[in-house]
Amino acid sequence: MSSQPPRIHVESTADRQFATNSYLVEDEATRDAVIVDANLEPELMVDLVKRRGANVAAILLTHTDVDHIAGLPRLLEEFPGVPVAVHDAEREVVTAGKPLRRQFQVEFAPIATVDSLAEGETYRAGSLEFEVLHTPGHSPGGVTLKIGDALFTGDALFAGSIGRSDFHNSDGQALLDGIRNKLLPHPDDTRVLSGHGPATTIGRERSHNPFL
């Protein structure tokens, strides 16, 4: 007899400067949780975690643009010892303070406890398991994190749009290839929870996204 998949509760916060989404992803049975991305108003996420009574087991980064990592110091202060997980292509941003973009400097101390998010592997945090899909193009180490019927796409795919690819280390063709080959094949009702803006579905984006 197979065990039932966990019931996942997802709730988000968004900062006022860039409207960057941070997500709390929680197993309703065990209260184990992860935070996906760390926007510029981490106190909102701290308050949400406390209100939910969640046990944060990891902080997962879809990529390392400053608006997705600026809240890390506050989150790690609140949840000491929790690992930060990132794709190896952008690992030095958090381990060595090396900025992802020339235009946007990183201004926090290097982080010691860092895990890798690798294509095709499962990242486990407590009772939660995420499938890692490498979806670069907006940035070299951009990943999409899949759990249940939800895809956390970072700045790869948005409702009605796709990520920027005009930075020096972006690749527009890789971005489109990743979306078309790794995201769009999912069922129509798969939820897309992106780095900015409202939630959408794969079916809606496949049918109506003008960039695809």
Foldseek 3Di string as FASTA:
>chain_A
DDDDAFDWDKDWDADDPARFIKIWIARPVPLETEIEFAAPCNVVVVVVCVVSVHDYQAYEYLAPACRRCVRVVVVCVVVPPREYEFAPVRQCCQQPQDHQAPVDGGPDDHDDRYHYQDAQDWDDGPSFIWHWHQQFFLARGGIWTDGDLEIEREQLDDQQEHHDRPGPRGHNVSSVCSCVPPPLVDDQARWYHYRHDDIDGSVNCVVHRPVD
